[in-house]
Each structure stands twice: as C-alpha cells, then as structure tokens.
Amino acid sequence: MKLIFIILFFLLNSCAVKAQNDTINRKYKDTKELNAQIEKDKIESIIYVDSTFGYKVEIPEWLTLRETGNDKILGGTFPEIERIENALMIQGFEKSKFKSFEHFKETYITGNVFGKKTLFSENHIWYGKSSQEFKEIEKGISWRVFTFFQNKIYHNNFVLIETNKAFLWIQFVATPETYELNLPKFTEFVSGIEFVE
C-alpha cells in the first residue's frame, strides 16, 4: 500500500495567544482541496513525504501544485513569466522496472537518438543533450536535454536519482526563453530533496 504524507506547518494567530508552529498530518483527495486548505489556514510550508519511493521534499512557496493524474508523479508549475508556466515533476519507479541505474539513465537520456521518438514517450522527439550541462549529484545525475513536443522545442533539466527503494525522474520543463530564468529555483528544489527509509 502506498503511503504519502503531506506535513503542513502553519502559524496560529490569536489576540490572546503568542504565535506558534504546529505540525498537522492530513490526507487530501486532490490538489484543489489542498490548495484551498493552504489558503484557509495560512499554511507556511508543506513537506511532501513519499515512503514508497524513499524521499521527502519541502514544497516551495512559489510552486503551484497540480494534478498529474498519476499517484507516482508529484507535479507543479512555476510562477508565470509572460504567460508561460514552466513545469516540475517527480516520478518514482520501482527498481524492478529497470535492470540497473544505467538502464534507467539510458531510457531517459543516453539511449535516445536525435530526431527519433524518445524511449520514454511516444509523443516526444529527442532533440539532444548539452554535454556542458551534465553534473553528477548525490545519488544520481543532472543533465540539460532538449525535446520536441506538440510542435514546440522544450529545454529540460532531467535529474535521475537512485534511492534505496526506487529510481526518481525529476523533470524541469521550460521554453527556451524561460529555462535560464527558472533554473535556479529548480536547482534549489532538487538540492532540498532528502532520502528516507
């Protein structure tokens, strides 16, 4: 059974009581309900804990959580820049789905061929990767890649991580004009991911 906790920290204010921090564990049926609760209770921070895939991360104030239609994907959007919203997603996979981390890496980055459908999606065309923008990070790699989807070229940063329990594909999807503007936020988000047993 998959167990996901969203831990909310909010500030309680009243005339007679000094402000204090409380931690609440609640389950929400969808992000609409969660976002309404955040507004209502003036929640200051959210920590998303995924026990199935072995990670937790604080949801930044700037990230608007969105429905993904898949309980294995956490997703949201960056603040709008000239009517463009960049996307951020974390998708977890059970380790048995891939032979190894190398096989995982091959599926999402290294095994793809320019101008051909990607190995991870029938709907995306691979437009290459930047050899200058490859980094080794804790438990994985980060790489700037380019895809063609619905007649548009996208600049992406794919972060692939191996936790004790799973493989994580963390995507930052942007237009060529907005990639550099939101990359610092994405990098900060990824650096805040912690691994849990």
C-alpha atoms as a PDB file:
ATOM      1  CA  MET A   1       0.000   0.000   0.000  1.00  0.00           C
ATOM      2  CA  LYS A   2       1.381   3.388  -0.983  1.00  0.00           C
ATOM      3  CA  LEU A   3       1.627   5.855   1.857  1.00  0.00           C
ATOM      4  CA  ILE A   4       2.136   9.550   1.151  1.00  0.00           C
ATOM      5  CA  PHE A   5       2.129  12.174   3.863  1.00  0.00           C
ATOM      6  CA  ILE A   6       1.885  15.872   3.349  1.00  0.00           C
ATOM      7  CA  ILE A   7       3.039  17.582   6.514  1.00  0.00           C
ATOM      8  CA  LEU A   8       1.774  21.102   6.917  1.00  0.00           C
ATOM      9  CA  PHE A   9       3.266  23.770   9.137  1.00  0.00           C
ATOM     10  CA  PHE A  10       1.116  26.779   9.792  1.00  0.00           C
ATOM     11  CA  LEU A  11       1.138  29.781  12.008  1.00  0.00           C
ATOM     12  CA  LEU A  12      -1.692  30.091  14.511  1.00  0.00           C
ATOM     13  CA  ASN A  13      -2.541  33.638  15.499  1.00  0.00           C
ATOM     14  CA  SER A  14      -4.987  34.997  18.022  1.00  0.00           C
ATOM     15  CA  CYS A  15      -5.183  38.126  20.122  1.00  0.00           C
ATOM     16  CA  ALA A  16      -4.508  36.371  23.429  1.00  0.00           C
ATOM     17  CA  VAL A  17      -2.030  33.717  22.257  1.00  0.00           C
ATOM     18  CA  LYS A  18       1.505  34.237  21.034  1.00  0.00           C
ATOM     19  CA  ALA A  19       2.139  32.822  17.503  1.00  0.00           C
ATOM     20  CA  GLN A  20       3.323  29.221  17.435  1.00  0.00           C
ATOM     21  CA  ASN A  21       4.156  26.499  14.925  1.00  0.00           C
ATOM     22  CA  ASP A  22       2.131  23.288  14.742  1.00  0.00           C
ATOM     23  CA  THR A  23       2.553  20.194  12.619  1.00  0.00           C
ATOM     24  CA  ILE A  24      -0.504  18.532  11.118  1.00  0.00           C
ATOM     25  CA  ASN A  25      -0.782  15.274   9.183  1.00  0.00           C
ATOM     26  CA  ARG A  26      -3.790  15.216   6.850  1.00  0.00           C
ATOM     27  CA  LYS A  27      -4.866  13.429   3.701  1.00  0.00           C
ATOM     28  CA  TYR A  28      -6.342  15.386   0.778  1.00  0.00           C
ATOM     29  CA  LYS A  29      -8.363  13.951  -2.090  1.00  0.00           C
ATOM     30  CA  ASP A  30      -6.741  16.281  -4.644  1.00  0.00           C
ATOM     31  CA  THR A  31      -4.532  19.363  -5.001  1.00  0.00           C
ATOM     32  CA  LYS A  32      -7.564  21.658  -5.281  1.00  0.00           C
ATOM     33  CA  GLU A  33      -8.623  20.670  -1.764  1.00  0.00           C
ATOM     34  CA  LEU A  34      -5.032  21.016  -0.509  1.00  0.00           C
ATOM     35  CA  ASN A  35      -4.594  24.468  -2.081  1.00  0.00           C
ATOM     36  CA  ALA A  36      -7.890  25.624  -0.517  1.00  0.00           C
ATOM     37  CA  GLN A  37      -6.701  24.429   2.903  1.00  0.00           C
ATOM     38  CA  ILE A  38      -3.365  26.236   2.460  1.00  0.00           C
ATOM     39  CA  GLU A  39      -5.244  29.496   1.806  1.00  0.00           C
ATOM     40  CA  LYS A  40      -7.742  28.976   4.636  1.00  0.00           C
ATOM     41  CA  ASP A  41      -5.215  28.072   7.341  1.00  0.00           C
ATOM     42  CA  LYS A  42      -2.408  30.354   6.105  1.00  0.00           C
ATOM     43  CA  ILE A  43      -0.096  27.354   5.918  1.00  0.00           C
ATOM     44  CA  GLU A  44       3.524  28.443   5.734  1.00  0.00           C
ATOM     45  CA  SER A  45       5.238  25.300   4.484  1.00  0.00           C
ATOM     46  CA  ILE A  46       4.465  21.846   3.153  1.00  0.00           C
ATOM     47  CA  ILE A  47       6.744  18.835   3.281  1.00  0.00           C
ATOM     48  CA  TYR A  48       5.890  16.062   0.841  1.00  0.00           C
ATOM     49  CA  VAL A  49       6.973  12.610   2.050  1.00  0.00           C
ATOM     50  CA  ASP A  50       6.826   9.634  -0.309  1.00  0.00           C
ATOM     51  CA  SER A  51       7.504   6.457   1.677  1.00  0.00           C
ATOM     52  CA  THR A  52       7.085   4.226  -1.380  1.00  0.00           C
ATOM     53  CA  PHE A  53       9.932   5.823  -3.321  1.00  0.00           C
ATOM     54  CA  GLY A  54      12.029   6.920  -0.334  1.00  0.00           C
ATOM     55  CA  TYR A  55      12.224  10.705  -0.476  1.00  0.00           C
ATOM     56  CA  LYS A  56      10.839  13.879   1.029  1.00  0.00           C
ATOM     57  CA  VAL A  57      10.991  17.484  -0.087  1.00  0.00           C
ATOM     58  CA  GLU A  58       9.691  20.826   1.098  1.00  0.00           C
ATOM     59  CA  ILE A  59       7.270  22.333  -1.409  1.00  0.00           C
ATOM     60  CA  PRO A  60       8.487  25.873  -2.126  1.00  0.00           C
ATOM     61  CA  GLU A  61       6.041  28.734  -1.754  1.00  0.00           C
ATOM     62  CA  TRP A  62       6.438  29.586  -5.454  1.00  0.00           C
ATOM     63  CA  LEU A  63       5.432  26.090  -6.685  1.00  0.00           C
ATOM     64  CA  THR A  64       1.738  25.687  -7.526  1.00  0.00           C
ATOM     65  CA  LEU A  65       0.856  22.013  -7.062  1.00  0.00           C
ATOM     66  CA  ARG A  66      -1.074  20.485  -9.963  1.00  0.00           C
ATOM     67  CA  GLU A  67      -2.983  17.267 -10.532  1.00  0.00           C
ATOM     68  CA  THR A  68      -0.905  14.815 -12.561  1.00  0.00           C
ATOM     69  CA  GLY A  69      -3.423  12.000 -12.916  1.00  0.00           C
ATOM     70  CA  ASN A  70      -0.832   9.550 -11.589  1.00  0.00           C
ATOM     71  CA  ASP A  71      -0.145   8.792  -7.912  1.00  0.00           C
ATOM     72  CA  LYS A  72       3.515   8.120  -8.790  1.00  0.00           C
ATOM     73  CA  ILE A  73       4.022  11.709 -10.004  1.00  0.00           C
ATOM     74  CA  LEU A  74       4.255  14.873  -7.901  1.00  0.00           C
ATOM     75  CA  GLY A  75       3.816  17.892 -10.159  1.00  0.00           C
ATOM     76  CA  GLY A  76       3.504  21.623 -10.175  1.00  0.00           C
ATOM     77  CA  THR A  77       4.178  24.819 -12.057  1.00  0.00           C
ATOM     78  CA  PHE A  78       6.498  27.770 -11.630  1.00  0.00           C
ATOM     79  CA  PRO A  79       5.154  31.331 -11.430  1.00  0.00           C
ATOM     80  CA  GLU A  80       4.052  32.614 -14.816  1.00  0.00           C
ATOM     81  CA  ILE A  81       6.580  34.529 -16.945  1.00  0.00           C
ATOM     82  CA  GLU A  82       4.961  36.376 -19.856  1.00  0.00           C
ATOM     83  CA  ARG A  83       2.017  33.912 -19.808  1.00  0.00           C
ATOM     84  CA  ILE A  84       4.322  30.856 -19.743  1.00  0.00           C
ATOM     85  CA  GLU A  85       4.277  28.392 -16.843  1.00  0.00           C
ATOM     86  CA  ASN A  86       7.239  26.030 -16.603  1.00  0.00           C
ATOM     87  CA  ALA A  87       6.604  22.602 -15.078  1.00  0.00           C
ATOM     88  CA  LEU A  88       8.293  20.498 -12.428  1.00  0.00           C
ATOM     89  CA  MET A  89       7.552  16.804 -11.891  1.00  0.00           C
ATOM     90  CA  ILE A  90       8.959  13.976  -9.810  1.00  0.00           C
ATOM     91  CA  GLN A  91       8.086  10.494 -10.988  1.00  0.00           C
ATOM     92  CA  GLY A  92       9.042   7.419  -8.996  1.00  0.00           C
ATOM     93  CA  PHE A  93       9.656   3.937 -10.373  1.00  0.00           C
ATOM     94  CA  GLU A  94      10.068   0.655  -8.572  1.00  0.00           C
ATOM     95  CA  LYS A  95      13.585  -0.659  -9.061  1.00  0.00           C
ATOM     96  CA  SER A  96      12.278  -3.832 -10.702  1.00  0.00           C
ATOM     97  CA  LYS A  97      11.114  -1.770 -13.716  1.00  0.00           C
ATOM     98  CA  PHE A  98      14.760  -1.277 -14.800  1.00  0.00           C
ATOM     99  CA  LYS A  99      17.742  -3.641 -14.917  1.00  0.00           C
ATOM    100  CA  SER A 100      20.015  -1.053 -13.280  1.00  0.00           C
ATOM    101  CA  PHE A 101      20.614   2.677 -12.848  1.00  0.00           C
ATOM    102  CA  GLU A 102      22.483   2.566 -16.188  1.00  0.00           C
ATOM    103  CA  HIS A 103      19.362   1.143 -17.868  1.00  0.00           C
ATOM    104  CA  PHE A 104      17.257   3.887 -16.245  1.00  0.00           C
ATOM    105  CA  LYS A 105      19.733   6.521 -17.485  1.00  0.00           C
ATOM    106  CA  GLU A 106      19.679   5.004 -20.978  1.00  0.00           C
ATOM    107  CA  THR A 107      15.855   5.162 -21.118  1.00  0.00           C
ATOM    108  CA  TYR A 108      15.586   8.788 -20.098  1.00  0.00           C
ATOM    109  CA  ILE A 109      18.771  10.304 -21.528  1.00  0.00           C
ATOM    110  CA  THR A 110      21.705   8.415 -23.009  1.00  0.00           C
ATOM    111  CA  GLY A 111      19.859   5.902 -25.215  1.00  0.00           C
ATOM    112  CA  ASN A 112      17.787   8.477 -27.079  1.00  0.00           C
ATOM    113  CA  VAL A 113      18.613   9.405 -30.687  1.00  0.00           C
ATOM    114  CA  PHE A 114      18.292  12.871 -32.246  1.00  0.00           C
ATOM    115  CA  GLY A 115      15.130  13.260 -34.330  1.00  0.00           C
ATOM    116  CA  LYS A 116      13.578   9.982 -33.126  1.00  0.00           C
ATOM    117  CA  LYS A 117      10.789   9.266 -30.641  1.00  0.00           C
ATOM    118  CA  THR A 118      12.143   9.141 -27.107  1.00  0.00           C
ATOM    119  CA  LEU A 119      12.456   5.838 -25.281  1.00  0.00           C
ATOM    120  CA  PHE A 120      10.232   7.204 -22.512  1.00  0.00           C
ATOM    121  CA  SER A 121       7.370   8.650 -24.612  1.00  0.00           C
ATOM    122  CA  GLU A 122       5.774   8.042 -27.992  1.00  0.00           C
ATOM    123  CA  ASN A 123       4.764  11.722 -28.056  1.00  0.00           C
ATOM    124  CA  HIS A 124       8.186  13.345 -27.627  1.00  0.00           C
ATOM    125  CA  ILE A 125      11.028  13.653 -30.152  1.00  0.00           C
ATOM    126  CA  TRP A 126      14.601  13.717 -28.844  1.00  0.00           C
ATOM    127  CA  TYR A 127      16.481  16.897 -29.776  1.00  0.00           C
ATOM    128  CA  GLY A 128      19.716  16.182 -27.906  1.00  0.00           C
ATOM    129  CA  LYS A 129      21.532  16.981 -24.693  1.00  0.00           C
ATOM    130  CA  SER A 130      24.095  19.576 -23.641  1.00  0.00           C
ATOM    131  CA  SER A 131      27.467  17.975 -22.901  1.00  0.00           C
ATOM    132  CA  GLN A 132      28.483  21.144 -20.990  1.00  0.00           C
ATOM    133  CA  GLU A 133      25.478  20.911 -18.679  1.00  0.00           C
ATOM    134  CA  PHE A 134      25.969  17.455 -17.196  1.00  0.00           C
ATOM    135  CA  LYS A 135      26.530  17.144 -13.435  1.00  0.00           C
ATOM    136  CA  GLU A 136      26.947  14.295 -11.032  1.00  0.00           C
ATOM    137  CA  ILE A 137      24.854  14.898  -7.942  1.00  0.00           C
ATOM    138  CA  GLU A 138      24.169  12.953  -4.752  1.00  0.00           C
ATOM    139  CA  LYS A 139      22.800   9.541  -5.787  1.00  0.00           C
ATOM    140  CA  GLY A 140      22.467  10.491  -9.456  1.00  0.00           C
ATOM    141  CA  ILE A 141      22.936  12.882 -12.360  1.00  0.00           C
ATOM    142  CA  SER A 142      21.546  16.132 -13.753  1.00  0.00           C
ATOM    143  CA  TRP A 143      21.523  16.914 -17.477  1.00  0.00           C
ATOM    144  CA  ARG A 144      20.064  19.601 -19.735  1.00  0.00           C
ATOM    145  CA  VAL A 145      18.180  17.937 -22.572  1.00  0.00           C
ATOM    146  CA  PHE A 146      16.033  19.117 -25.467  1.00  0.00           C
ATOM    147  CA  THR A 147      12.735  17.643 -26.646  1.00  0.00           C
ATOM    148  CA  PHE A 148      10.171  18.404 -29.327  1.00  0.00           C
ATOM    149  CA  PHE A 149       6.531  18.084 -28.239  1.00  0.00           C
ATOM    150  CA  GLN A 150       3.339  19.353 -29.902  1.00  0.00           C
ATOM    151  CA  ASN A 151       5.302  21.402 -32.470  1.00  0.00           C
ATOM    152  CA  LYS A 152       7.485  23.142 -29.868  1.00  0.00           C
ATOM    153  CA  ILE A 153      11.060  22.681 -28.675  1.00  0.00           C
ATOM    154  CA  TYR A 154      11.474  22.431 -24.914  1.00  0.00           C
ATOM    155  CA  HIS A 155      14.572  22.894 -22.795  1.00  0.00           C
ATOM    156  CA  ASN A 156      14.516  20.456 -19.887  1.00  0.00           C
ATOM    157  CA  ASN A 157      16.673  19.541 -16.958  1.00  0.00           C
ATOM    158  CA  PHE A 158      16.378  15.834 -16.207  1.00  0.00           C
ATOM    159  CA  VAL A 159      17.606  14.699 -12.809  1.00  0.00           C
ATOM    160  CA  LEU A 160      17.867  10.942 -12.364  1.00  0.00           C
ATOM    161  CA  ILE A 161      18.332   9.597  -8.835  1.00  0.00           C
ATOM    162  CA  GLU A 162      18.578   6.151  -7.294  1.00  0.00           C
ATOM    163  CA  THR A 163      17.196   5.917  -3.763  1.00  0.00           C
ATOM    164  CA  ASN A 164      17.376   2.794  -1.608  1.00  0.00           C
ATOM    165  CA  LYS A 165      13.847   1.941  -2.741  1.00  0.00           C
ATOM    166  CA  ALA A 166      13.406   3.336  -6.246  1.00  0.00           C
ATOM    167  CA  PHE A 167      14.505   5.397  -9.232  1.00  0.00           C
ATOM    168  CA  LEU A 168      13.359   9.023  -9.455  1.00  0.00           C
ATOM    169  CA  TRP A 169      12.973  11.052 -12.640  1.00  0.00           C
ATOM    170  CA  ILE A 170      12.804  14.750 -11.776  1.00  0.00           C
ATOM    171  CA  GLN A 171      11.913  16.980 -14.705  1.00  0.00           C
ATOM    172  CA  PHE A 172      12.094  20.708 -15.205  1.00  0.00           C
ATOM    173  CA  VAL A 173      10.308  21.564 -18.461  1.00  0.00           C
ATOM    174  CA  ALA A 174      10.692  25.068 -19.904  1.00  0.00           C
ATOM    175  CA  THR A 175      10.619  27.073 -23.093  1.00  0.00           C
ATOM    176  CA  PRO A 176      13.951  28.285 -24.497  1.00  0.00           C
ATOM    177  CA  GLU A 177      13.124  31.803 -23.201  1.00  0.00           C
ATOM    178  CA  THR A 178      12.274  30.776 -19.620  1.00  0.00           C
ATOM    179  CA  TYR A 179      14.756  27.959 -18.929  1.00  0.00           C
ATOM    180  CA  GLU A 180      17.560  30.139 -17.519  1.00  0.00           C
ATOM    181  CA  LEU A 181      15.098  32.273 -15.534  1.00  0.00           C
ATOM    182  CA  ASN A 182      13.694  29.325 -13.554  1.00  0.00           C
ATOM    183  CA  LEU A 183      16.746  27.024 -13.450  1.00  0.00           C
ATOM    184  CA  PRO A 184      17.986  28.456 -10.088  1.00  0.00           C
ATOM    185  CA  LYS A 185      14.624  27.655  -8.471  1.00  0.00           C
ATOM    186  CA  PHE A 186      14.687  24.125  -9.868  1.00  0.00           C
ATOM    187  CA  THR A 187      18.288  23.576  -8.714  1.00  0.00           C
ATOM    188  CA  GLU A 188      17.397  24.771  -5.211  1.00  0.00           C
ATOM    189  CA  PHE A 189      14.347  22.482  -5.164  1.00  0.00           C
ATOM    190  CA  VAL A 190      16.429  19.431  -6.142  1.00  0.00           C
ATOM    191  CA  SER A 191      19.111  20.236  -3.553  1.00  0.00           C
ATOM    192  CA  GLY A 192      16.379  20.152  -0.869  1.00  0.00           C
ATOM    193  CA  ILE A 193      15.357  16.555  -1.581  1.00  0.00           C
ATOM    194  CA  GLU A 194      16.143  14.205   1.301  1.00  0.00           C
ATOM    195  CA  PHE A 195      16.174  10.424   1.185  1.00  0.00           C
ATOM    196  CA  VAL A 196      14.169   8.421   3.714  1.00  0.00           C
ATOM    197  CA  GLU A 197      13.924   4.733   4.560  1.00  0.00           C
END
